[in-house]
C-alpha atoms as a PDB file:
ATOM      1  CA  MET A   1     177.948 111.254  95.287  1.00  0.00           C
ATOM      2  CA  PHE A   2     178.734 107.801  96.390  1.00  0.00           C
ATOM      3  CA  SER A   3     175.905 108.236  99.300  1.00  0.00           C
ATOM      4  CA  ASN A   4     173.239 109.505  96.648  1.00  0.00           C
ATOM      5  CA  ARG A   5     173.895 106.370  94.427  1.00  0.00           C
ATOM      6  CA  VAL A   6     173.670 103.767  97.575  1.00  0.00           C
ATOM      7  CA  ASP A   7     170.543 105.650  98.341  1.00  0.00           C
ATOM      8  CA  GLU A   8     168.990 105.595  94.688  1.00  0.00           C
ATOM      9  CA  TRP A   9     169.749 101.854  94.728  1.00  0.00           C
ATOM     10  CA  LEU A  10     168.362 101.171  98.031  1.00  0.00           C
ATOM     11  CA  LYS A  11     165.098 103.118  97.061  1.00  0.00           C
ATOM     12  CA  HIS A  12     164.705 100.953  93.725  1.00  0.00           C
ATOM     13  CA  GLU A  13     165.448  97.712  95.802  1.00  0.00           C
ATOM     14  CA  LEU A  14     162.853  98.477  98.205  1.00  0.00           C
ATOM     15  CA  LYS A  15     160.284  99.487  95.351  1.00  0.00           C
ATOM     16  CA  MET A  16     161.223  96.074  93.832  1.00  0.00           C
ATOM     17  CA  ILE A  17     160.405  94.110  97.041  1.00  0.00           C
ATOM     18  CA  ASN A  18     157.090  95.900  97.453  1.00  0.00           C
ATOM     19  CA  MET A  19     155.505  95.007  93.551  1.00  0.00           C
ATOM     20  CA  SER A  20     154.381  91.982  95.169  1.00  0.00           C
ATOM     21  CA  LEU A  21     152.082  94.055  97.569  1.00  0.00           C
ATOM     22  CA  PRO A  22     148.342  94.192  96.353  1.00  0.00           C
ATOM     23  CA  ALA A  23     147.399  97.329  94.529  1.00  0.00           C
ATOM     24  CA  HIS A  24     144.408  97.381  96.651  1.00  0.00           C
ATOM     25  CA  THR A  25     142.527  95.067  99.233  1.00  0.00           C
ATOM     26  CA  ILE A  26     139.175  93.132  98.643  1.00  0.00           C
ATOM     27  CA  PRO A  27     136.956  92.336 101.514  1.00  0.00           C
ATOM     28  CA  LEU A  28     136.531  88.961 102.577  1.00  0.00           C
ATOM     29  CA  SER A  29     132.594  88.625 101.715  1.00  0.00           C
ATOM     30  CA  VAL A  30     133.672  89.643  98.138  1.00  0.00           C
ATOM     31  CA  LEU A  31     136.634  87.469  97.766  1.00  0.00           C
ATOM     32  CA  LEU A  32     134.119  84.296  98.763  1.00  0.00           C
ATOM     33  CA  ARG A  33     131.795  85.221  96.070  1.00  0.00           C
ATOM     34  CA  LEU A  34     134.621  85.274  93.173  1.00  0.00           C
ATOM     35  CA  GLU A  35     134.950  82.308  91.304  1.00  0.00           C
ATOM     36  CA  GLU A  36     138.829  82.834  91.041  1.00  0.00           C
ATOM     37  CA  PRO A  37     139.619  85.176  94.347  1.00  0.00           C
ATOM     38  CA  CYS A  38     142.404  87.574  93.211  1.00  0.00           C
ATOM     39  CA  VAL A  39     143.851  90.847  93.302  1.00  0.00           C
ATOM     40  CA  LYS A  40     146.326  92.790  91.269  1.00  0.00           C
ATOM     41  CA  THR A  41     149.664  93.864  92.462  1.00  0.00           C
ATOM     42  CA  LEU A  42     151.508  96.701  92.407  1.00  0.00           C
ATOM     43  CA  GLY A  43     153.812  95.265  89.691  1.00  0.00           C
ATOM     44  CA  GLY A  44     151.059  94.425  87.599  1.00  0.00           C
ATOM     45  CA  GLY A  45     150.889  90.664  88.506  1.00  0.00           C
ATOM     46  CA  VAL A  46     148.108  88.711  90.313  1.00  0.00           C
ATOM     47  CA  HIS A  47     148.043  87.418  94.015  1.00  0.00           C
ATOM     48  CA  HIS A  48     145.487  84.532  94.245  1.00  0.00           C
ATOM     49  CA  PHE A  49     143.610  83.336  97.203  1.00  0.00           C
ATOM     50  CA  ASP A  50     143.060  79.908  98.402  1.00  0.00           C
ATOM     51  CA  ARG A  51     139.444  79.615  98.873  1.00  0.00           C
ATOM     52  CA  ARG A  52     139.911  76.724 101.480  1.00  0.00           C
ATOM     53  CA  GLU A  53     142.202  79.554 103.310  1.00  0.00           C
ATOM     54  CA  LEU A  54     139.459  81.982 103.004  1.00  0.00           C
ATOM     55  CA  GLU A  55     136.769  80.128 104.538  1.00  0.00           C
ATOM     56  CA  GLU A  56     139.078  78.727 107.322  1.00  0.00           C
ATOM     57  CA  PHE A  57     139.790  82.266 108.075  1.00  0.00           C
ATOM     58  CA  LYS A  58     136.175  83.066 108.100  1.00  0.00           C
ATOM     59  CA  ARG A  59     135.412  80.633 110.714  1.00  0.00           C
ATOM     60  CA  SER A  60     137.892  82.125 112.891  1.00  0.00           C
ATOM     61  CA  LEU A  61     136.142  85.581 112.860  1.00  0.00           C
ATOM     62  CA  PRO A  62     132.634  86.396 114.421  1.00  0.00           C
ATOM     63  CA  GLU A  63     129.659  86.071 112.306  1.00  0.00           C
ATOM     64  CA  GLY A  64     129.308  88.936 110.263  1.00  0.00           C
ATOM     65  CA  PHE A  65     132.988  90.624 110.826  1.00  0.00           C
ATOM     66  CA  ASP A  66     134.396  91.481 107.241  1.00  0.00           C
ATOM     67  CA  VAL A  67     137.930  92.567 106.608  1.00  0.00           C
ATOM     68  CA  SER A  68     139.745  93.267 103.713  1.00  0.00           C
ATOM     69  CA  LEU A  69     142.775  91.000 102.328  1.00  0.00           C
ATOM     70  CA  PRO A  70     145.379  90.298 101.962  1.00  0.00           C
ATOM     71  CA  LEU A  71     146.461  91.436 105.167  1.00  0.00           C
ATOM     72  CA  ILE A  72     149.676  93.691 104.707  1.00  0.00           C
ATOM     73  CA  PHE A  73     152.466  93.442 107.086  1.00  0.00           C
ATOM     74  CA  ILE A  74     155.072  96.265 106.562  1.00  0.00           C
ATOM     75  CA  ARG A  75     158.577  95.653 108.363  1.00  0.00           C
ATOM     76  CA  ARG A  76     159.521  98.950 110.292  1.00  0.00           C
ATOM     77  CA  GLY A  77     162.832  98.668 111.593  1.00  0.00           C
ATOM     78  CA  GLU A  78     162.653 101.901 113.115  1.00  0.00           C
ATOM     79  CA  LEU A  79     160.028 100.567 115.640  1.00  0.00           C
ATOM     80  CA  GLY A  80     162.448  97.951 116.720  1.00  0.00           C
ATOM     81  CA  GLU A  81     163.801  94.442 115.423  1.00  0.00           C
ATOM     82  CA  GLY A  82     161.105  92.262 114.085  1.00  0.00           C
ATOM     83  CA  VAL A  83     158.442  94.644 114.231  1.00  0.00           C
ATOM     84  CA  TYR A  84     155.598  94.708 111.479  1.00  0.00           C
ATOM     85  CA  VAL A  85     152.877  97.134 111.133  1.00  0.00           C
ATOM     86  CA  ILE A  86     149.438  95.731 109.871  1.00  0.00           C
ATOM     87  CA  LYS A  87     148.178  97.956 107.221  1.00  0.00           C
ATOM     88  CA  GLY A  88     144.698  98.860 107.343  1.00  0.00           C
ATOM     89  CA  GLU A  89     142.060  99.729 109.771  1.00  0.00           C
ATOM     90  CA  LYS A  90     141.469  98.251 113.333  1.00  0.00           C
ATOM     91  CA  LYS A  91     139.440  95.588 111.911  1.00  0.00           C
ATOM     92  CA  GLU A  92     142.526  94.386 109.959  1.00  0.00           C
ATOM     93  CA  ALA A  93     144.279  94.347 113.149  1.00  0.00           C
ATOM     94  CA  GLU A  94     141.443  92.666 115.067  1.00  0.00           C
ATOM     95  CA  ALA A  95     141.053  89.803 112.411  1.00  0.00           C
ATOM     96  CA  PHE A  96     144.809  89.059 112.547  1.00  0.00           C
ATOM     97  CA  ARG A  97     144.389  88.766 116.535  1.00  0.00           C
ATOM     98  CA  LEU A  98     141.488  86.770 116.264  1.00  0.00           C
ATOM     99  CA  ALA A  99     142.755  84.094 113.638  1.00  0.00           C
ATOM    100  CA  LEU A 100     146.031  83.537 115.902  1.00  0.00           C
ATOM    101  CA  GLY A 101     144.029  83.741 119.267  1.00  0.00           C
ATOM    102  CA  LEU A 102     146.175  86.367 120.639  1.00  0.00           C
ATOM    103  CA  SER A 103     144.796  88.234 123.822  1.00  0.00           C
ATOM    104  CA  SER A 104     145.695  91.991 122.632  1.00  0.00           C
ATOM    105  CA  ILE A 105     147.197  93.906 119.756  1.00  0.00           C
ATOM    106  CA  HIS A 106     149.512  96.785 119.909  1.00  0.00           C
ATOM    107  CA  LYS A 107     149.174 100.391 118.700  1.00  0.00           C
ATOM    108  CA  SER A 108     151.459 102.933 118.093  1.00  0.00           C
ATOM    109  CA  ALA A 109     151.676 106.357 116.063  1.00  0.00           C
ATOM    110  CA  GLU A 110     152.314 104.056 112.669  1.00  0.00           C
ATOM    111  CA  GLY A 111     149.246 102.023 113.430  1.00  0.00           C
ATOM    112  CA  TYR A 112     148.583  98.499 114.618  1.00  0.00           C
ATOM    113  CA  TYR A 113     151.844  96.336 115.017  1.00  0.00           C
ATOM    114  CA  THR A 114     152.923  92.717 115.783  1.00  0.00           C
ATOM    115  CA  TYR A 115     155.964  90.852 115.704  1.00  0.00           C
ATOM    116  CA  LYS A 116     157.805  88.419 113.483  1.00  0.00           C
ATOM    117  CA  PRO A 117     156.946  85.137 115.099  1.00  0.00           C
ATOM    118  CA  PHE A 118     153.178  86.355 114.712  1.00  0.00           C
ATOM    119  CA  VAL A 119     153.596  87.086 111.394  1.00  0.00           C
ATOM    120  CA  ILE A 120     155.466  83.694 110.550  1.00  0.00           C
ATOM    121  CA  GLU A 121     152.759  81.938 112.219  1.00  0.00           C
ATOM    122  CA  PHE A 122     149.638  83.666 110.414  1.00  0.00           C
ATOM    123  CA  LEU A 123     151.536  82.784 106.853  1.00  0.00           C
ATOM    124  CA  ARG A 124     152.247  79.423 107.695  1.00  0.00           C
ATOM    125  CA  ARG A 125     148.322  78.924 108.499  1.00  0.00           C
ATOM    126  CA  TYR A 126     147.059  81.184 105.933  1.00  0.00           C
ATOM    127  CA  LYS A 127     149.874  81.178 102.825  1.00  0.00           C
ATOM    128  CA  THR A 128     147.692  83.261 100.833  1.00  0.00           C
ATOM    129  CA  LEU A 129     146.012  85.699 102.986  1.00  0.00           C
ATOM    130  CA  GLY A 130     148.881  87.855 103.994  1.00  0.00           C
ATOM    131  CA  VAL A 131     151.879  89.793 102.265  1.00  0.00           C
ATOM    132  CA  VAL A 132     154.953  91.184 103.341  1.00  0.00           C
ATOM    133  CA  GLY A 133     156.735  94.335 102.376  1.00  0.00           C
ATOM    134  CA  THR A 134     159.162  97.162 103.687  1.00  0.00           C
ATOM    135  CA  TYR A 135     159.563 100.844 103.961  1.00  0.00           C
END
């Protein structure tokens, strides 16, 4: 009985942490055309993008390369300490790799992944272009 209450509490806490995640992502090309680039969150709030960061991020990508934002980094403890899955498709992982100048990006059955120091560096450079959640 105690274990069930702890499990329920933990589920609730994880859900609350993830309320800041976007309800959906938006292509960079669309965000750059919006007067106020933003996306709704799962919690009903709004995640705003900094236009200067969007433009700087675009310059780090090849001409015509479009990617959906924000990049979503999900902490996955079962993959190892400090491992984060990059949600989305290969192009999101590739954009992350290019923006940081990494030589490669790793893939598992869970999807493309990276490590905490790289997530921190990405968020240091592009504070509004990425979000972190957990499972």
